[in-house]
């Protein structure tokens, strides 16, 4: 149990580092990567919580969140490509 809490604390710390990059990233691509990393860390946290509480619904939530995150990154990438083509 203490191992899982330590893992969750470590993931939380690295999430704050990604938040820093998200707000201060020099380019849009750095911010997209930081947002994607934050969503990946959130998925891992939810999966660990599913294991700790022995609840399968949390795994369903994490899978749904992963799919939505992937679609959001694709949407942002398509928007950026379209903006570069119009310039």
PDB file of N, CA and C in Angstrom:
ATOM      1  N   UNK A   1       0.827  -1.195   0.000  1.00  0.00           N
ATOM      2  CA  UNK A   1       0.000   0.000   0.000  1.00  0.00           C
ATOM      3  C   UNK A   1       0.872   1.260   0.000  1.00  0.00           C
ATOM      4  N   UNK A   2       1.931   1.260   0.788  1.00  0.00           N
ATOM      5  CA  UNK A   2       2.812   2.423   0.835  1.00  0.00           C
ATOM      6  C   UNK A   2       3.528   2.635  -0.490  1.00  0.00           C
ATOM      7  N   UNK A   3       3.800   1.543  -1.208  1.00  0.00           N
ATOM      8  CA  UNK A   3       4.442   1.656  -2.509  1.00  0.00           C
ATOM      9  C   UNK A   3       3.546   2.400  -3.486  1.00  0.00           C
ATOM     10  N   UNK A   4       2.262   2.081  -3.471  1.00  0.00           N
ATOM     11  CA  UNK A   4       1.338   2.746  -4.378  1.00  0.00           C
ATOM     12  C   UNK A   4       1.197   4.230  -4.051  1.00  0.00           C
ATOM     13  N   UNK A   5       1.198   4.550  -2.796  1.00  0.00           N
ATOM     14  CA  UNK A   5       1.125   5.964  -2.399  1.00  0.00           C
ATOM     15  C   UNK A   5       2.379   6.693  -2.846  1.00  0.00           C
ATOM     16  N   UNK A   6       3.537   6.060  -2.724  1.00  0.00           N
ATOM     17  CA  UNK A   6       4.782   6.679  -3.184  1.00  0.00           C
ATOM     18  C   UNK A   6       4.762   6.866  -4.697  1.00  0.00           C
ATOM     19  N   UNK A   7       4.234   5.888  -5.413  1.00  0.00           N
ATOM     20  CA  UNK A   7       4.133   6.009  -6.871  1.00  0.00           C
ATOM     21  C   UNK A   7       3.199   7.147  -7.245  1.00  0.00           C
ATOM     22  N   UNK A   8       2.064   7.236  -6.567  1.00  0.00           N
ATOM     23  CA  UNK A   8       1.121   8.319  -6.856  1.00  0.00           C
ATOM     24  C   UNK A   8       1.718   9.689  -6.543  1.00  0.00           C
ATOM     25  N   UNK A   9       2.484   9.782  -5.478  1.00  0.00           N
ATOM     26  CA  UNK A   9       3.142  11.054  -5.157  1.00  0.00           C
ATOM     27  C   UNK A   9       4.193  11.418  -6.208  1.00  0.00           C
ATOM     28  N   UNK A  10       4.947  10.425  -6.675  1.00  0.00           N
ATOM     29  CA  UNK A  10       5.936  10.677  -7.722  1.00  0.00           C
ATOM     30  C   UNK A  10       5.291  11.119  -9.018  1.00  0.00           C
ATOM     31  N   UNK A  11       4.190  10.479  -9.371  1.00  0.00           N
ATOM     32  CA  UNK A  11       3.472  10.871 -10.592  1.00  0.00           C
ATOM     33  C   UNK A  11       2.900  12.275 -10.435  1.00  0.00           C
ATOM     34  N   UNK A  12       2.416  12.598  -9.254  1.00  0.00           N
ATOM     35  CA  UNK A  12       1.877  13.947  -9.015  1.00  0.00           C
ATOM     36  C   UNK A  12       2.974  15.008  -9.153  1.00  0.00           C
ATOM     37  N   UNK A  13       4.163  14.714  -8.643  1.00  0.00           N
ATOM     38  CA  UNK A  13       5.270  15.664  -8.762  1.00  0.00           C
ATOM     39  C   UNK A  13       5.633  15.899 -10.224  1.00  0.00           C
ATOM     40  N   UNK A  14       5.732  14.819 -10.993  1.00  0.00           N
ATOM     41  CA  UNK A  14       6.075  14.986 -12.410  1.00  0.00           C
ATOM     42  C   UNK A  14       4.950  15.652 -13.188  1.00  0.00           C
ATOM     43  N   UNK A  15       3.726  15.513 -12.714  1.00  0.00           N
ATOM     44  CA  UNK A  15       2.607  16.216 -13.354  1.00  0.00           C
ATOM     45  C   UNK A  15       2.754  17.722 -13.168  1.00  0.00           C
ATOM     46  N   UNK A  16       3.209  18.144 -12.003  1.00  0.00           N
ATOM     47  CA  UNK A  16       3.428  19.576 -11.792  1.00  0.00           C
ATOM     48  C   UNK A  16       4.555  20.102 -12.688  1.00  0.00           C
ATOM     49  N   UNK A  17       5.556  19.281 -12.939  1.00  0.00           N
ATOM     50  CA  UNK A  17       6.597  19.689 -13.890  1.00  0.00           C
ATOM     51  C   UNK A  17       6.022  19.840 -15.300  1.00  0.00           C
ATOM     52  N   UNK A  18       5.130  18.941 -15.658  1.00  0.00           N
ATOM     53  CA  UNK A  18       4.485  19.055 -16.974  1.00  0.00           C
ATOM     54  C   UNK A  18       3.562  20.269 -17.044  1.00  0.00           C
ATOM     55  N   UNK A  19       2.925  20.595 -15.930  1.00  0.00           N
ATOM     56  CA  UNK A  19       2.092  21.803 -15.900  1.00  0.00           C
ATOM     57  C   UNK A  19       2.934  23.056 -16.132  1.00  0.00           C
ATOM     58  N   UNK A  20       4.110  23.063 -15.561  1.00  0.00           N
ATOM     59  CA  UNK A  20       5.014  24.189 -15.791  1.00  0.00           C
ATOM     60  C   UNK A  20       5.334  24.317 -17.286  1.00  0.00           C
ATOM     61  N   UNK A  21       5.640  23.198 -17.925  1.00  0.00           N
ATOM     62  CA  UNK A  21       5.952  23.219 -19.361  1.00  0.00           C
ATOM     63  C   UNK A  21       4.718  23.590 -20.171  1.00  0.00           C
ATOM     64  N   UNK A  22       3.544  23.198 -19.701  1.00  0.00           N
ATOM     65  CA  UNK A  22       2.312  23.518 -20.412  1.00  0.00           C
ATOM     66  C   UNK A  22       2.070  25.019 -20.440  1.00  0.00           C
ATOM     67  N   UNK A  23       2.336  25.700 -19.340  1.00  0.00           N
ATOM     68  CA  UNK A  23       2.070  27.131 -19.279  1.00  0.00           C
ATOM     69  C   UNK A  23       3.215  27.985 -19.801  1.00  0.00           C
ATOM     70  N   UNK A  24       4.450  27.467 -19.763  1.00  0.00           N
ATOM     71  CA  UNK A  24       5.585  28.292 -20.175  1.00  0.00           C
ATOM     72  C   UNK A  24       6.308  27.749 -21.397  1.00  0.00           C
ATOM     73  N   UNK A  25       5.711  26.769 -22.077  1.00  0.00           N
ATOM     74  CA  UNK A  25       6.386  26.168 -23.224  1.00  0.00           C
ATOM     75  C   UNK A  25       6.705  27.193 -24.294  1.00  0.00           C
ATOM     76  N   UNK A  26       7.897  27.117 -24.863  1.00  0.00           N
ATOM     77  CA  UNK A  26       8.248  28.116 -25.867  1.00  0.00           C
ATOM     78  C   UNK A  26       7.471  27.948 -27.176  1.00  0.00           C
ATOM     79  N   UNK A  27       7.051  26.724 -27.493  1.00  0.00           N
ATOM     80  CA  UNK A  27       6.307  26.506 -28.730  1.00  0.00           C
ATOM     81  C   UNK A  27       4.992  25.797 -28.425  1.00  0.00           C
ATOM     82  N   UNK A  28       4.121  25.809 -29.406  1.00  0.00           N
ATOM     83  CA  UNK A  28       2.836  25.127 -29.276  1.00  0.00           C
ATOM     84  C   UNK A  28       3.051  23.624 -29.147  1.00  0.00           C
ATOM     85  N   UNK A  29       4.044  23.101 -29.832  1.00  0.00           N
ATOM     86  CA  UNK A  29       4.290  21.667 -29.799  1.00  0.00           C
ATOM     87  C   UNK A  29       4.738  21.202 -28.419  1.00  0.00           C
ATOM     88  N   UNK A  30       5.524  22.029 -27.724  1.00  0.00           N
ATOM     89  CA  UNK A  30       5.907  21.693 -26.354  1.00  0.00           C
ATOM     90  C   UNK A  30       4.676  21.629 -25.452  1.00  0.00           C
ATOM     91  N   UNK A  31       3.758  22.535 -25.666  1.00  0.00           N
ATOM     92  CA  UNK A  31       2.544  22.548 -24.858  1.00  0.00           C
ATOM     93  C   UNK A  31       1.654  21.357 -25.153  1.00  0.00           C
ATOM     94  N   UNK A  32       1.593  20.944 -26.411  1.00  0.00           N
ATOM     95  CA  UNK A  32       0.794  19.766 -26.764  1.00  0.00           C
ATOM     96  C   UNK A  32       1.387  18.512 -26.131  1.00  0.00           C
ATOM     97  N   UNK A  33       2.697  18.381 -26.184  1.00  0.00           N
ATOM     98  CA  UNK A  33       3.352  17.226 -25.580  1.00  0.00           C
ATOM     99  C   UNK A  33       3.148  17.223 -24.060  1.00  0.00           C
ATOM    100  N   UNK A  34       3.222  18.383 -23.444  1.00  0.00           N
ATOM    101  CA  UNK A  34       3.005  18.465 -21.997  1.00  0.00           C
ATOM    102  C   UNK A  34       1.574  18.082 -21.639  1.00  0.00           C
ATOM    103  N   UNK A  35       0.605  18.545 -22.417  1.00  0.00           N
ATOM    104  CA  UNK A  35      -0.786  18.181 -22.151  1.00  0.00           C
ATOM    105  C   UNK A  35      -1.011  16.685 -22.336  1.00  0.00           C
ATOM    106  N   UNK A  36      -0.388  16.122 -23.347  1.00  0.00           N
ATOM    107  CA  UNK A  36      -0.501  14.686 -23.570  1.00  0.00           C
ATOM    108  C   UNK A  36       0.149  13.900 -22.436  1.00  0.00           C
ATOM    109  N   UNK A  37       1.265  14.378 -21.937  1.00  0.00           N
ATOM    110  CA  UNK A  37       1.922  13.708 -20.811  1.00  0.00           C
ATOM    111  C   UNK A  37       1.071  13.780 -19.553  1.00  0.00           C
ATOM    112  N   UNK A  38       0.410  14.899 -19.344  1.00  0.00           N
ATOM    113  CA  UNK A  38      -0.465  15.034 -18.181  1.00  0.00           C
ATOM    114  C   UNK A  38      -1.631  14.057 -18.269  1.00  0.00           C
ATOM    115  N   UNK A  39      -2.208  13.920 -19.448  1.00  0.00           N
ATOM    116  CA  UNK A  39      -3.317  12.975 -19.583  1.00  0.00           C
ATOM    117  C   UNK A  39      -2.839  11.538 -19.391  1.00  0.00           C
ATOM    118  N   UNK A  40      -1.645  11.231 -19.862  1.00  0.00           N
ATOM    119  CA  UNK A  40      -1.108   9.888 -19.663  1.00  0.00           C
ATOM    120  C   UNK A  40      -0.892   9.605 -18.182  1.00  0.00           C
ATOM    121  N   UNK A  41      -0.377  10.577 -17.472  1.00  0.00           N
ATOM    122  CA  UNK A  41      -0.170  10.404 -16.031  1.00  0.00           C
ATOM    123  C   UNK A  41      -1.504  10.263 -15.298  1.00  0.00           C
ATOM    124  N   UNK A  42      -2.509  10.984 -15.743  1.00  0.00           N
ATOM    125  CA  UNK A  42      -3.828  10.869 -15.131  1.00  0.00           C
ATOM    126  C   UNK A  42      -4.411   9.476 -15.359  1.00  0.00           C
ATOM    127  N   UNK A  43      -4.207   8.938 -16.542  1.00  0.00           N
ATOM    128  CA  UNK A  43      -4.687   7.595 -16.841  1.00  0.00           C
ATOM    129  C   UNK A  43      -4.005   6.575 -15.932  1.00  0.00           C
ATOM    130  N   UNK A  44      -2.713   6.742 -15.707  1.00  0.00           N
ATOM    131  CA  UNK A  44      -1.979   5.825 -14.827  1.00  0.00           C
ATOM    132  C   UNK A  44      -2.494   5.935 -13.393  1.00  0.00           C
ATOM    133  N   UNK A  45      -2.757   7.147 -12.933  1.00  0.00           N
ATOM    134  CA  UNK A  45      -3.265   7.335 -11.574  1.00  0.00           C
ATOM    135  C   UNK A  45      -4.625   6.652 -11.417  1.00  0.00           C
ATOM    136  N   UNK A  46      -5.500   6.822 -12.391  1.00  0.00           N
ATOM    137  CA  UNK A  46      -6.821   6.194 -12.319  1.00  0.00           C
ATOM    138  C   UNK A  46      -6.694   4.665 -12.354  1.00  0.00           C
ATOM    139  N   UNK A  47      -5.766   4.147 -13.148  1.00  0.00           N
ATOM    140  CA  UNK A  47      -5.559   2.698 -13.198  1.00  0.00           C
ATOM    141  C   UNK A  47      -5.017   2.165 -11.866  1.00  0.00           C
ATOM    142  N   UNK A  48      -4.125   2.905 -11.240  1.00  0.00           N
ATOM    143  CA  UNK A  48      -3.611   2.487  -9.930  1.00  0.00           C
ATOM    144  C   UNK A  48      -4.731   2.517  -8.890  1.00  0.00           C
ATOM    145  N   UNK A  49      -5.574   3.535  -8.958  1.00  0.00           N
ATOM    146  CA  UNK A  49      -6.711   3.593  -8.039  1.00  0.00           C
ATOM    147  C   UNK A  49      -7.668   2.436  -8.274  1.00  0.00           C
ATOM    148  N   UNK A  50      -7.846   2.044  -9.524  1.00  0.00           N
ATOM    149  CA  UNK A  50      -8.688   0.881  -9.821  1.00  0.00           C
ATOM    150  C   UNK A  50      -8.120  -0.369  -9.180  1.00  0.00           C
ATOM    151  N   UNK A  51      -6.804  -0.505  -9.201  1.00  0.00           N
ATOM    152  CA  UNK A  51      -6.177  -1.655  -8.558  1.00  0.00           C
ATOM    153  C   UNK A  51      -6.312  -1.599  -7.043  1.00  0.00           C
ATOM    154  N   UNK A  52      -6.109  -0.419  -6.471  1.00  0.00           N
ATOM    155  CA  UNK A  52      -6.176  -0.288  -5.017  1.00  0.00           C
ATOM    156  C   UNK A  52      -7.568  -0.565  -4.473  1.00  0.00           C
ATOM    157  N   UNK A  53      -8.580  -0.022  -5.155  1.00  0.00           N
ATOM    158  CA  UNK A  53      -9.949  -0.170  -4.671  1.00  0.00           C
ATOM    159  C   UNK A  53     -10.674  -1.369  -5.262  1.00  0.00           C
ATOM    160  N   UNK A  54     -10.007  -2.096  -6.155  1.00  0.00           N
ATOM    161  CA  UNK A  54     -10.576  -3.291  -6.783  1.00  0.00           C
ATOM    162  C   UNK A  54     -11.913  -2.970  -7.467  1.00  0.00           C
ATOM    163  N   UNK A  55     -11.933  -1.883  -8.225  1.00  0.00           N
ATOM    164  CA  UNK A  55     -13.129  -1.442  -8.941  1.00  0.00           C
ATOM    165  C   UNK A  55     -12.832  -1.400 -10.431  1.00  0.00           C
ATOM    166  N   UNK A  56     -13.554  -2.191 -11.197  1.00  0.00           N
ATOM    167  CA  UNK A  56     -13.328  -2.237 -12.642  1.00  0.00           C
ATOM    168  C   UNK A  56     -13.830  -0.991 -13.364  1.00  0.00           C
ATOM    169  N   UNK A  57     -14.749  -0.275 -12.755  1.00  0.00           N
ATOM    170  CA  UNK A  57     -15.304   0.915 -13.412  1.00  0.00           C
ATOM    171  C   UNK A  57     -14.221   1.968 -13.633  1.00  0.00           C
ATOM    172  N   UNK A  58     -13.223   2.026 -12.755  1.00  0.00           N
ATOM    173  CA  UNK A  58     -12.138   2.987 -12.922  1.00  0.00           C
ATOM    174  C   UNK A  58     -11.297   2.670 -14.159  1.00  0.00           C
ATOM    175  N   UNK A  59     -11.153   1.399 -14.475  1.00  0.00           N
ATOM    176  CA  UNK A  59     -10.433   1.034 -15.698  1.00  0.00           C
ATOM    177  C   UNK A  59     -11.218   1.462 -16.932  1.00  0.00           C
ATOM    178  N   UNK A  60     -12.534   1.326 -16.885  1.00  0.00           N
ATOM    179  CA  UNK A  60     -13.360   1.795 -17.997  1.00  0.00           C
ATOM    180  C   UNK A  60     -13.234   3.308 -18.172  1.00  0.00           C
ATOM    181  N   UNK A  61     -13.195   4.003 -17.067  1.00  0.00           N
ATOM    182  CA  UNK A  61     -13.037   5.459 -17.121  1.00  0.00           C
ATOM    183  C   UNK A  61     -11.681   5.826 -17.702  1.00  0.00           C
ATOM    184  N   UNK A  62     -10.631   5.111 -17.312  1.00  0.00           N
ATOM    185  CA  UNK A  62      -9.295   5.436 -17.816  1.00  0.00           C
ATOM    186  C   UNK A  62      -9.180   5.128 -19.309  1.00  0.00           C
ATOM    187  N   UNK A  63      -9.811   4.063 -19.776  1.00  0.00           N
ATOM    188  CA  UNK A  63      -9.792   3.752 -21.212  1.00  0.00           C
ATOM    189  C   UNK A  63     -10.540   4.817 -22.000  1.00  0.00           C
ATOM    190  N   UNK A  64     -11.681   5.230 -21.493  1.00  0.00           N
ATOM    191  CA  UNK A  64     -12.445   6.289 -22.163  1.00  0.00           C
ATOM    192  C   UNK A  64     -11.658   7.593 -22.197  1.00  0.00           C
ATOM    193  N   UNK A  65     -11.000   7.915 -21.100  1.00  0.00           N
ATOM    194  CA  UNK A  65     -10.188   9.130 -21.036  1.00  0.00           C
ATOM    195  C   UNK A  65      -9.016   9.056 -22.010  1.00  0.00           C
ATOM    196  N   UNK A  66      -8.434   7.880 -22.163  1.00  0.00           N
ATOM    197  CA  UNK A  66      -7.325   7.712 -23.106  1.00  0.00           C
ATOM    198  C   UNK A  66      -7.795   7.925 -24.546  1.00  0.00           C
ATOM    199  N   UNK A  67      -8.948   7.405 -24.876  1.00  0.00           N
ATOM    200  CA  UNK A  67      -9.484   7.579 -26.232  1.00  0.00           C
ATOM    201  C   UNK A  67      -9.790   9.054 -26.493  1.00  0.00           C
ATOM    202  N   UNK A  68     -10.420   9.713 -25.537  1.00  0.00           N
ATOM    203  CA  UNK A  68     -10.731  11.140 -25.710  1.00  0.00           C
ATOM    204  C   UNK A  68      -9.461  11.980 -25.813  1.00  0.00           C
ATOM    205  N   UNK A  69      -8.460  11.642 -25.049  1.00  0.00           N
ATOM    206  CA  UNK A  69      -7.190  12.361 -25.102  1.00  0.00           C
ATOM    207  C   UNK A  69      -6.540  12.201 -26.471  1.00  0.00           C
ATOM    208  N   UNK A  70      -6.548  10.980 -26.975  1.00  0.00           N
ATOM    209  CA  UNK A  70      -5.968  10.721 -28.289  1.00  0.00           C
ATOM    210  C   UNK A  70      -6.700  11.522 -29.372  1.00  0.00           C
ATOM    211  N   UNK A  71      -8.016  11.523 -29.317  1.00  0.00           N
ATOM    212  CA  UNK A  71      -8.786  12.273 -30.309  1.00  0.00           C
ATOM    213  C   UNK A  71      -8.548  13.781 -30.190  1.00  0.00           C
ATOM    214  N   UNK A  72      -8.375  14.269 -28.974  1.00  0.00           N
ATOM    215  CA  UNK A  72      -8.108  15.697 -28.785  1.00  0.00           C
ATOM    216  C   UNK A  72      -6.751  16.083 -29.368  1.00  0.00           C
ATOM    217  N   UNK A  73      -5.740  15.254 -29.162  1.00  0.00           N
ATOM    218  CA  UNK A  73      -4.413  15.547 -29.719  1.00  0.00           C
ATOM    219  C   UNK A  73      -4.470  15.513 -31.245  1.00  0.00           C
ATOM    220  N   UNK A  74      -5.203  14.564 -31.806  1.00  0.00           N
ATOM    221  CA  UNK A  74      -5.354  14.528 -33.266  1.00  0.00           C
ATOM    222  C   UNK A  74      -6.072  15.774 -33.780  1.00  0.00           C
ATOM    223  N   UNK A  75      -7.083  16.213 -33.069  1.00  0.00           N
ATOM    224  CA  UNK A  75      -7.807  17.411 -33.472  1.00  0.00           C
ATOM    225  C   UNK A  75      -6.939  18.657 -33.434  1.00  0.00           C
ATOM    226  N   UNK A  76      -6.154  18.800 -32.400  1.00  0.00           N
ATOM    227  CA  UNK A  76      -5.261  19.957 -32.298  1.00  0.00           C
ATOM    228  C   UNK A  76      -4.194  19.908 -33.386  1.00  0.00           C
ATOM    229  N   UNK A  77      -3.664  18.723 -33.642  1.00  0.00           N
ATOM    230  CA  UNK A  77      -2.645  18.589 -34.691  1.00  0.00           C
ATOM    231  C   UNK A  77      -3.229  18.924 -36.067  1.00  0.00           C
ATOM    232  N   UNK A  78      -4.437  18.473 -36.330  1.00  0.00           N
ATOM    233  CA  UNK A  78      -5.082  18.790 -37.610  1.00  0.00           C
ATOM    234  C   UNK A  78      -5.338  20.288 -37.729  1.00  0.00           C
ATOM    235  N   UNK A  79      -5.720  20.920 -36.637  1.00  0.00           N
ATOM    236  CA  UNK A  79      -5.945  22.366 -36.647  1.00  0.00           C
ATOM    237  C   UNK A  79      -4.646  23.117 -36.933  1.00  0.00           C
ATOM    238  N   UNK A  80      -3.558  22.700 -36.323  1.00  0.00           N
ATOM    239  CA  UNK A  80      -2.274  23.369 -36.531  1.00  0.00           C
ATOM    240  C   UNK A  80      -1.817  23.193 -37.979  1.00  0.00           C
ATOM    241  N   UNK A  81      -1.986  21.998 -38.520  1.00  0.00           N
ATOM    242  CA  UNK A  81      -1.593  21.770 -39.923  1.00  0.00           C
ATOM    243  C   UNK A  81      -2.430  22.632 -40.853  1.00  0.00           C
ATOM    244  N   UNK A  82      -3.717  22.734 -40.581  1.00  0.00           N
ATOM    245  CA  UNK A  82      -4.592  23.556 -41.427  1.00  0.00           C
ATOM    246  C   UNK A  82      -4.204  25.027 -41.349  1.00  0.00           C
ATOM    247  N   UNK A  83      -3.838  25.505 -40.176  1.00  0.00           N
ATOM    248  CA  UNK A  83      -3.418  26.892 -40.023  1.00  0.00           C
ATOM    249  C   UNK A  83      -2.126  27.175 -40.764  1.00  0.00           C
ATOM    250  N   UNK A  84      -1.200  26.226 -40.782  1.00  0.00           N
ATOM    251  CA  UNK A  84       0.055  26.424 -41.501  1.00  0.00           C
ATOM    252  C   UNK A  84      -0.152  26.411 -43.004  1.00  0.00           C
ATOM    253  N   UNK A  85      -1.129  25.637 -43.486  1.00  0.00           N
ATOM    254  CA  UNK A  85      -1.397  25.571 -44.910  1.00  0.00           C
ATOM    255  C   UNK A  85      -2.021  26.865 -45.422  1.00  0.00           C
ATOM    256  N   UNK A  86      -2.792  27.545 -44.593  1.00  0.00           N
ATOM    257  CA  UNK A  86      -3.466  28.779 -45.033  1.00  0.00           C
ATOM    258  C   UNK A  86      -2.525  29.979 -45.033  1.00  0.00           C
ATOM    259  N   UNK A  87      -1.382  29.888 -44.391  1.00  0.00           N
ATOM    260  CA  UNK A  87      -0.460  31.032 -44.324  1.00  0.00           C
ATOM    261  C   UNK A  87       0.346  31.160 -45.571  1.00  0.00           C
TER     262      UNK A  87
END
